[in-house]
Amino acid sequence: MAMSVDLNDVSDFEALASDVYISICGYGSLLSETSARSTFPDLVNFRIAKLTGFRRVFTAVGGFFFTHAVANIKTEEIAGLSVEPCEGETILVTVFEIKKTEIPAFIEREREYRFLAVIPESLDGKSFANPAVLCASCTDEDFFKFRCSEGREIYFQQYGEYMNHKIWRDDVLPCRVYLRHCVLAAKSLGDEAYNNFLDHSFLADRKTTIRQYLEKVGTSIMEEEPPESLKTRYGG
């Protein structure tokens, strides 16, 4: 199992950083450099890496898909990606650096996640010199206890009329335009990254791979274009 360390506050992040930069792991939308730059315009050194001991799972139900009207509430295609420790699994990720001054905004934007310091490897198995930050699966209990100062009711107002009131779920399906984007982003990195995404990303049941899921649902997901507001961010 890969070694990982929890990061609980800004000082933990700063301890990982150099004088100027800190490394970030991307495994979903951030597999796309274009998408990554829509969030981190000044990122540097975007590259592919390997992370051992983790798998991708579509279990995160955040407010973003609701505020941008891409969550299909009727079919419960509402989930985004997270990663969780899993012995024997290896995922291909991207790693890039952002300025240390961006850490507080990053923590706030991704606060539903558990933050881990991990050591990625190059594709030929050499460990990186510096650890990187990974956004991993959390629990609703921990989020509302330690991260959410405004309380449940105010937090869930961003979900609109969808009264789910749960972030981390094991009974939902991937948001369609988000899944399409992640598949296209992985494909843009080459065959190895593409096949790794299909075979080492799972539905919330943790049994069905994304390759199996796409074979089951047919081509409709890959034909679904994102709305204009997300053309760049979720364009593949």
C-alpha atoms as a PDB file:
ATOM      1  CA  MET A   1       0.000   0.000   0.000  1.00  0.00           C
ATOM      2  CA  ALA A   2       1.295   3.456  -0.888  1.00  0.00           C
ATOM      3  CA  MET A   3       2.241   5.737   1.979  1.00  0.00           C
ATOM      4  CA  SER A   4       0.011   8.762   2.525  1.00  0.00           C
ATOM      5  CA  VAL A   5      -0.262  11.422   5.217  1.00  0.00           C
ATOM      6  CA  ASP A   6      -3.318  13.515   6.112  1.00  0.00           C
ATOM      7  CA  LEU A   7      -3.131  17.270   5.598  1.00  0.00           C
ATOM      8  CA  ASN A   8      -5.401  19.058   8.048  1.00  0.00           C
ATOM      9  CA  ASP A   9      -4.598  22.756   7.771  1.00  0.00           C
ATOM     10  CA  VAL A  10      -2.665  25.331   5.767  1.00  0.00           C
ATOM     11  CA  SER A  11       0.550  24.743   7.701  1.00  0.00           C
ATOM     12  CA  ASP A  12       0.528  21.054   6.684  1.00  0.00           C
ATOM     13  CA  PHE A  13       0.293  22.077   3.035  1.00  0.00           C
ATOM     14  CA  GLU A  14       3.018  24.684   3.410  1.00  0.00           C
ATOM     15  CA  ALA A  15       5.330  22.067   4.897  1.00  0.00           C
ATOM     16  CA  LEU A  16       5.123  20.204   1.560  1.00  0.00           C
ATOM     17  CA  ALA A  17       5.782  23.265  -0.550  1.00  0.00           C
ATOM     18  CA  SER A  18       9.022  24.658  -1.894  1.00  0.00           C
ATOM     19  CA  ASP A  19       9.701  28.377  -1.602  1.00  0.00           C
ATOM     20  CA  VAL A  20       7.167  29.054  -4.365  1.00  0.00           C
ATOM     21  CA  TYR A  21       5.294  25.927  -5.496  1.00  0.00           C
ATOM     22  CA  ILE A  22       3.334  22.925  -4.258  1.00  0.00           C
ATOM     23  CA  SER A  23       2.480  19.791  -6.287  1.00  0.00           C
ATOM     24  CA  ILE A  24      -1.113  18.722  -6.998  1.00  0.00           C
ATOM     25  CA  CYS A  25      -2.414  15.363  -8.308  1.00  0.00           C
ATOM     26  CA  GLY A  26      -5.203  15.267 -10.887  1.00  0.00           C
ATOM     27  CA  TYR A  27      -7.203  12.118 -11.589  1.00  0.00           C
ATOM     28  CA  GLY A  28     -10.537  13.246 -13.118  1.00  0.00           C
ATOM     29  CA  SER A  29     -11.202  16.569 -14.802  1.00  0.00           C
ATOM     30  CA  LEU A  30      -7.598  17.583 -14.033  1.00  0.00           C
ATOM     31  CA  LEU A  31      -6.323  14.911 -16.422  1.00  0.00           C
ATOM     32  CA  SER A  32      -6.946  17.668 -18.974  1.00  0.00           C
ATOM     33  CA  GLU A  33      -4.386  20.463 -18.936  1.00  0.00           C
ATOM     34  CA  THR A  34      -6.957  22.825 -20.454  1.00  0.00           C
ATOM     35  CA  SER A  35      -9.403  22.031 -17.663  1.00  0.00           C
ATOM     36  CA  ALA A  36      -6.666  22.314 -15.043  1.00  0.00           C
ATOM     37  CA  ARG A  37      -5.729  25.748 -16.357  1.00  0.00           C
ATOM     38  CA  SER A  38      -9.347  26.883 -16.092  1.00  0.00           C
ATOM     39  CA  THR A  39      -8.896  26.452 -12.339  1.00  0.00           C
ATOM     40  CA  PHE A  40      -5.140  27.061 -12.021  1.00  0.00           C
ATOM     41  CA  PRO A  41      -4.149  29.479 -14.831  1.00  0.00           C
ATOM     42  CA  ASP A  42      -0.546  29.737 -13.627  1.00  0.00           C
ATOM     43  CA  LEU A  43       0.200  26.036 -13.141  1.00  0.00           C
ATOM     44  CA  VAL A  44       3.586  24.717 -14.313  1.00  0.00           C
ATOM     45  CA  ASN A  45       5.184  21.373 -15.162  1.00  0.00           C
ATOM     46  CA  PHE A  46       2.034  19.443 -16.149  1.00  0.00           C
ATOM     47  CA  ARG A  47       2.957  15.756 -16.564  1.00  0.00           C
ATOM     48  CA  ILE A  48       1.713  12.158 -16.240  1.00  0.00           C
ATOM     49  CA  ALA A  49       2.536  10.051 -13.183  1.00  0.00           C
ATOM     50  CA  LYS A  50       1.597   6.794 -11.509  1.00  0.00           C
ATOM     51  CA  LEU A  51      -0.008   6.404  -8.088  1.00  0.00           C
ATOM     52  CA  THR A  52       0.031   2.982  -6.466  1.00  0.00           C
ATOM     53  CA  GLY A  53      -2.478   1.852  -3.858  1.00  0.00           C
ATOM     54  CA  PHE A  54      -5.495   3.928  -4.961  1.00  0.00           C
ATOM     55  CA  ARG A  55      -8.570   3.504  -7.155  1.00  0.00           C
ATOM     56  CA  ARG A  56     -11.012   6.014  -8.629  1.00  0.00           C
ATOM     57  CA  VAL A  57     -14.657   5.891  -7.508  1.00  0.00           C
ATOM     58  CA  PHE A  58     -17.678   7.967  -8.562  1.00  0.00           C
ATOM     59  CA  THR A  59     -18.996   8.694  -5.072  1.00  0.00           C
ATOM     60  CA  ALA A  60     -18.753  12.481  -4.604  1.00  0.00           C
ATOM     61  CA  VAL A  61     -22.009  14.429  -4.952  1.00  0.00           C
ATOM     62  CA  GLY A  62     -21.007  18.090  -4.811  1.00  0.00           C
ATOM     63  CA  GLY A  63     -22.984  21.233  -5.453  1.00  0.00           C
ATOM     64  CA  PHE A  64     -21.097  22.168  -8.642  1.00  0.00           C
ATOM     65  CA  PHE A  65     -23.131  19.862 -10.924  1.00  0.00           C
ATOM     66  CA  PHE A  66     -26.362  21.296  -9.500  1.00  0.00           C
ATOM     67  CA  THR A  67     -25.406  24.960  -9.832  1.00  0.00           C
ATOM     68  CA  HIS A  68     -24.401  24.318 -13.469  1.00  0.00           C
ATOM     69  CA  ALA A  69     -27.531  22.235 -14.195  1.00  0.00           C
ATOM     70  CA  VAL A  70     -25.677  19.120 -15.386  1.00  0.00           C
ATOM     71  CA  ALA A  71     -26.862  16.782 -12.614  1.00  0.00           C
ATOM     72  CA  ASN A  72     -29.649  14.470 -13.784  1.00  0.00           C
ATOM     73  CA  ILE A  73     -31.663  14.140 -10.597  1.00  0.00           C
ATOM     74  CA  LYS A  74     -34.262  11.774 -12.061  1.00  0.00           C
ATOM     75  CA  THR A  75     -31.672   9.124 -13.016  1.00  0.00           C
ATOM     76  CA  GLU A  76     -29.310  10.022 -10.140  1.00  0.00           C
ATOM     77  CA  GLU A  77     -26.472  10.617 -12.607  1.00  0.00           C
ATOM     78  CA  ILE A  78     -25.042  13.149 -10.180  1.00  0.00           C
ATOM     79  CA  ALA A  79     -21.641  11.879  -9.003  1.00  0.00           C
ATOM     80  CA  GLY A  80     -18.145  13.165  -9.511  1.00  0.00           C
ATOM     81  CA  LEU A  81     -14.886  11.353  -8.913  1.00  0.00           C
ATOM     82  CA  SER A  82     -12.851  10.719  -5.852  1.00  0.00           C
ATOM     83  CA  VAL A  83     -10.052   8.304  -5.030  1.00  0.00           C
ATOM     84  CA  GLU A  84      -9.638   5.960  -2.101  1.00  0.00           C
ATOM     85  CA  PRO A  85      -6.893   3.662  -0.866  1.00  0.00           C
ATOM     86  CA  CYS A  86      -7.107   0.207  -2.428  1.00  0.00           C
ATOM     87  CA  GLU A  87      -4.386  -2.394  -2.197  1.00  0.00           C
ATOM     88  CA  GLY A  88      -3.342  -3.816  -5.546  1.00  0.00           C
ATOM     89  CA  GLU A  89      -4.711  -0.905  -7.599  1.00  0.00           C
ATOM     90  CA  THR A  90      -2.645   1.620  -9.566  1.00  0.00           C
ATOM     91  CA  ILE A  91      -3.972   4.725 -11.299  1.00  0.00           C
ATOM     92  CA  LEU A  92      -2.353   7.058 -13.785  1.00  0.00           C
ATOM     93  CA  VAL A  93      -2.686  10.673 -12.727  1.00  0.00           C
ATOM     94  CA  THR A  94      -1.365  14.072 -13.686  1.00  0.00           C
ATOM     95  CA  VAL A  95       0.908  16.107 -11.463  1.00  0.00           C
ATOM     96  CA  PHE A  96       1.555  19.823 -11.715  1.00  0.00           C
ATOM     97  CA  GLU A  97       2.676  22.676  -9.528  1.00  0.00           C
ATOM     98  CA  ILE A  98       0.700  25.682  -8.347  1.00  0.00           C
ATOM     99  CA  LYS A  99       1.928  28.683  -6.397  1.00  0.00           C
ATOM    100  CA  LYS A 100       1.998  28.307  -2.636  1.00  0.00           C
ATOM    101  CA  THR A 101      -0.153  31.433  -2.386  1.00  0.00           C
ATOM    102  CA  GLU A 102      -3.013  29.466  -4.015  1.00  0.00           C
ATOM    103  CA  ILE A 103      -3.201  26.932  -1.158  1.00  0.00           C
ATOM    104  CA  PRO A 104      -5.989  28.618   0.896  1.00  0.00           C
ATOM    105  CA  ALA A 105      -8.256  28.952  -2.166  1.00  0.00           C
ATOM    106  CA  PHE A 106      -7.531  25.342  -3.144  1.00  0.00           C
ATOM    107  CA  ILE A 107      -8.433  24.086   0.341  1.00  0.00           C
ATOM    108  CA  GLU A 108     -11.696  26.047   0.318  1.00  0.00           C
ATOM    109  CA  ARG A 109     -12.685  24.931  -3.190  1.00  0.00           C
ATOM    110  CA  GLU A 110     -12.059  21.214  -2.476  1.00  0.00           C
ATOM    111  CA  ARG A 111     -13.040  21.202   1.177  1.00  0.00           C
ATOM    112  CA  GLU A 112     -15.446  18.254   0.864  1.00  0.00           C
ATOM    113  CA  TYR A 113     -12.433  15.990   0.269  1.00  0.00           C
ATOM    114  CA  ARG A 114      -9.853  14.477   2.568  1.00  0.00           C
ATOM    115  CA  PHE A 115      -6.425  15.892   1.704  1.00  0.00           C
ATOM    116  CA  LEU A 116      -3.495  13.469   1.534  1.00  0.00           C
ATOM    117  CA  ALA A 117       0.196  13.905   0.841  1.00  0.00           C
ATOM    118  CA  VAL A 118       1.296  11.113  -1.512  1.00  0.00           C
ATOM    119  CA  ILE A 119       4.445  10.219  -3.429  1.00  0.00           C
ATOM    120  CA  PRO A 120       3.687   9.748  -7.157  1.00  0.00           C
ATOM    121  CA  GLU A 121       6.042   7.835  -9.418  1.00  0.00           C
ATOM    122  CA  SER A 122       7.190   8.312 -12.981  1.00  0.00           C
ATOM    123  CA  LEU A 123       5.798   5.783 -15.450  1.00  0.00           C
ATOM    124  CA  ASP A 124       9.047   3.795 -15.154  1.00  0.00           C
ATOM    125  CA  GLY A 125       8.578   3.506 -11.386  1.00  0.00           C
ATOM    126  CA  LYS A 126      10.895   6.168  -9.982  1.00  0.00           C
ATOM    127  CA  SER A 127       9.506   8.018  -6.952  1.00  0.00           C
ATOM    128  CA  PHE A 128       9.086  11.768  -7.267  1.00  0.00           C
ATOM    129  CA  ALA A 129      11.402  13.881  -5.140  1.00  0.00           C
ATOM    130  CA  ASN A 130       8.507  15.862  -3.636  1.00  0.00           C
ATOM    131  CA  PRO A 131       5.108  14.710  -2.315  1.00  0.00           C
ATOM    132  CA  ALA A 132       1.914  15.914  -3.982  1.00  0.00           C
ATOM    133  CA  VAL A 133      -1.535  16.771  -2.641  1.00  0.00           C
ATOM    134  CA  LEU A 134      -4.316  14.290  -3.430  1.00  0.00           C
ATOM    135  CA  CYS A 135      -8.038  14.958  -2.874  1.00  0.00           C
ATOM    136  CA  ALA A 136      -9.371  11.659  -1.518  1.00  0.00           C
ATOM    137  CA  SER A 137     -12.732  10.381  -0.318  1.00  0.00           C
ATOM    138  CA  CYS A 138     -14.005  11.751   2.969  1.00  0.00           C
ATOM    139  CA  THR A 139     -17.216  11.189   4.957  1.00  0.00           C
ATOM    140  CA  ASP A 140     -20.161  13.471   5.598  1.00  0.00           C
ATOM    141  CA  GLU A 141     -19.559  13.096   9.327  1.00  0.00           C
ATOM    142  CA  ASP A 142     -15.983  14.383   9.123  1.00  0.00           C
ATOM    143  CA  PHE A 143     -16.828  17.141   6.662  1.00  0.00           C
ATOM    144  CA  PHE A 144     -19.605  18.657   8.763  1.00  0.00           C
ATOM    145  CA  LYS A 145     -17.649  18.179  11.979  1.00  0.00           C
ATOM    146  CA  PHE A 146     -14.315  19.657  10.876  1.00  0.00           C
ATOM    147  CA  ARG A 147     -14.698  21.605   7.607  1.00  0.00           C
ATOM    148  CA  CYS A 148     -18.161  23.093   7.253  1.00  0.00           C
ATOM    149  CA  SER A 149     -18.525  26.086   9.551  1.00  0.00           C
ATOM    150  CA  GLU A 150     -21.863  27.235   8.114  1.00  0.00           C
ATOM    151  CA  GLY A 151     -23.770  24.041   8.927  1.00  0.00           C
ATOM    152  CA  ARG A 152     -25.701  21.495   6.872  1.00  0.00           C
ATOM    153  CA  GLU A 153     -28.746  23.552   5.909  1.00  0.00           C
ATOM    154  CA  ILE A 154     -26.806  26.512   4.525  1.00  0.00           C
ATOM    155  CA  TYR A 155     -24.283  24.248   2.798  1.00  0.00           C
ATOM    156  CA  PHE A 156     -26.963  22.272   0.961  1.00  0.00           C
ATOM    157  CA  GLN A 157     -28.749  25.384  -0.327  1.00  0.00           C
ATOM    158  CA  GLN A 158     -26.405  25.242  -3.347  1.00  0.00           C
ATOM    159  CA  TYR A 159     -28.114  21.988  -4.351  1.00  0.00           C
ATOM    160  CA  GLY A 160     -31.298  23.890  -5.088  1.00  0.00           C
ATOM    161  CA  GLU A 161     -34.498  21.887  -4.718  1.00  0.00           C
ATOM    162  CA  TYR A 162     -32.662  18.557  -4.704  1.00  0.00           C
ATOM    163  CA  MET A 163     -33.026  17.516  -1.070  1.00  0.00           C
ATOM    164  CA  ASN A 164     -30.291  14.903  -1.028  1.00  0.00           C
ATOM    165  CA  HIS A 165     -28.405  16.264   1.980  1.00  0.00           C
ATOM    166  CA  LYS A 166     -25.556  13.813   1.548  1.00  0.00           C
ATOM    167  CA  ILE A 167     -22.211  14.344  -0.204  1.00  0.00           C
ATOM    168  CA  TRP A 168     -20.560  10.924  -0.066  1.00  0.00           C
ATOM    169  CA  ARG A 169     -22.830   8.215  -1.489  1.00  0.00           C
ATOM    170  CA  ASP A 170     -22.547   4.652  -2.760  1.00  0.00           C
ATOM    171  CA  ASP A 171     -25.878   4.534  -4.626  1.00  0.00           C
ATOM    172  CA  VAL A 172     -25.391   7.081  -7.439  1.00  0.00           C
ATOM    173  CA  LEU A 173     -24.128   7.145 -11.029  1.00  0.00           C
ATOM    174  CA  PRO A 174     -21.598   9.449 -12.727  1.00  0.00           C
ATOM    175  CA  CYS A 175     -22.704  12.847 -13.980  1.00  0.00           C
ATOM    176  CA  ARG A 176     -22.830  12.339 -17.738  1.00  0.00           C
ATOM    177  CA  VAL A 177     -20.965  15.379 -19.068  1.00  0.00           C
ATOM    178  CA  TYR A 178     -18.349  15.028 -16.344  1.00  0.00           C
ATOM    179  CA  LEU A 179     -17.739  11.354 -17.123  1.00  0.00           C
ATOM    180  CA  ARG A 180     -17.471  12.147 -20.835  1.00  0.00           C
ATOM    181  CA  HIS A 181     -14.926  14.856 -20.081  1.00  0.00           C
ATOM    182  CA  CYS A 182     -12.811  12.564 -17.889  1.00  0.00           C
ATOM    183  CA  VAL A 183     -12.775   9.812 -20.529  1.00  0.00           C
ATOM    184  CA  LEU A 184     -11.747  12.259 -23.265  1.00  0.00           C
ATOM    185  CA  ALA A 185      -9.120  13.835 -21.008  1.00  0.00           C
ATOM    186  CA  ALA A 186      -7.610  10.428 -20.239  1.00  0.00           C
ATOM    187  CA  LYS A 187      -7.663   9.547 -23.952  1.00  0.00           C
ATOM    188  CA  SER A 188      -5.745  12.734 -24.770  1.00  0.00           C
ATOM    189  CA  LEU A 189      -2.898  11.495 -22.562  1.00  0.00           C
ATOM    190  CA  GLY A 190      -2.438   8.343 -24.641  1.00  0.00           C
ATOM    191  CA  ASP A 191      -3.581   4.719 -24.719  1.00  0.00           C
ATOM    192  CA  GLU A 192      -2.039   3.745 -21.383  1.00  0.00           C
ATOM    193  CA  ALA A 193      -3.791   6.532 -19.478  1.00  0.00           C
ATOM    194  CA  TYR A 194      -7.047   5.904 -21.373  1.00  0.00           C
ATOM    195  CA  ASN A 195      -7.141   2.182 -20.610  1.00  0.00           C
ATOM    196  CA  ASN A 196      -6.090   2.789 -17.025  1.00  0.00           C
ATOM    197  CA  PHE A 197      -8.996   5.182 -16.562  1.00  0.00           C
ATOM    198  CA  LEU A 198     -11.510   2.736 -18.037  1.00  0.00           C
ATOM    199  CA  ASP A 199     -10.283  -0.251 -16.016  1.00  0.00           C
ATOM    200  CA  HIS A 200      -9.309   1.377 -12.691  1.00  0.00           C
ATOM    201  CA  SER A 201     -12.251   3.760 -12.238  1.00  0.00           C
ATOM    202  CA  PHE A 202     -15.381   2.339 -10.649  1.00  0.00           C
ATOM    203  CA  LEU A 203     -19.001   3.188 -10.101  1.00  0.00           C
ATOM    204  CA  ALA A 204     -20.032   3.798  -6.511  1.00  0.00           C
ATOM    205  CA  ASP A 205     -20.718   0.052  -6.181  1.00  0.00           C
ATOM    206  CA  ARG A 206     -16.913  -0.411  -6.388  1.00  0.00           C
ATOM    207  CA  LYS A 207     -17.455  -3.422  -8.655  1.00  0.00           C
ATOM    208  CA  THR A 208     -18.428  -2.034 -12.059  1.00  0.00           C
ATOM    209  CA  THR A 209     -15.554  -0.504 -14.018  1.00  0.00           C
ATOM    210  CA  ILE A 210     -16.149   2.498 -16.253  1.00  0.00           C
ATOM    211  CA  ARG A 211     -15.325   0.338 -19.259  1.00  0.00           C
ATOM    212  CA  GLN A 212     -18.118  -2.061 -18.276  1.00  0.00           C
ATOM    213  CA  TYR A 213     -20.493   0.810 -17.557  1.00  0.00           C
ATOM    214  CA  LEU A 214     -19.934   2.503 -20.921  1.00  0.00           C
ATOM    215  CA  GLU A 215     -20.389  -0.819 -22.711  1.00  0.00           C
ATOM    216  CA  LYS A 216     -23.703  -1.225 -20.908  1.00  0.00           C
ATOM    217  CA  VAL A 217     -25.121   2.267 -21.548  1.00  0.00           C
ATOM    218  CA  GLY A 218     -23.905   2.548 -25.141  1.00  0.00           C
ATOM    219  CA  THR A 219     -22.673   5.685 -26.895  1.00  0.00           C
ATOM    220  CA  SER A 220     -25.135   8.217 -25.469  1.00  0.00           C
ATOM    221  CA  ILE A 221     -22.835   9.509 -22.728  1.00  0.00           C
ATOM    222  CA  MET A 222     -19.916  10.110 -25.088  1.00  0.00           C
ATOM    223  CA  GLU A 223     -22.237  11.994 -27.465  1.00  0.00           C
ATOM    224  CA  GLU A 224     -23.522  14.367 -24.769  1.00  0.00           C
ATOM    225  CA  GLU A 225     -22.029  17.845 -25.111  1.00  0.00           C
ATOM    226  CA  PRO A 226     -21.452  20.031 -22.040  1.00  0.00           C
ATOM    227  CA  PRO A 227     -23.408  23.304 -21.768  1.00  0.00           C
ATOM    228  CA  GLU A 228     -21.780  26.489 -23.030  1.00  0.00           C
ATOM    229  CA  SER A 229     -20.729  27.486 -19.505  1.00  0.00           C
ATOM    230  CA  LEU A 230     -18.622  24.324 -19.216  1.00  0.00           C
ATOM    231  CA  LYS A 231     -17.337  23.956 -22.799  1.00  0.00           C
ATOM    232  CA  THR A 232     -13.755  24.699 -21.800  1.00  0.00           C
ATOM    233  CA  ARG A 233     -13.701  23.105 -18.383  1.00  0.00           C
ATOM    234  CA  TYR A 234     -15.441  19.899 -19.501  1.00  0.00           C
ATOM    235  CA  GLY A 235     -14.415  19.785 -23.143  1.00  0.00           C
ATOM    236  CA  GLY A 236     -12.118  16.774 -22.819  1.00  0.00           C
END
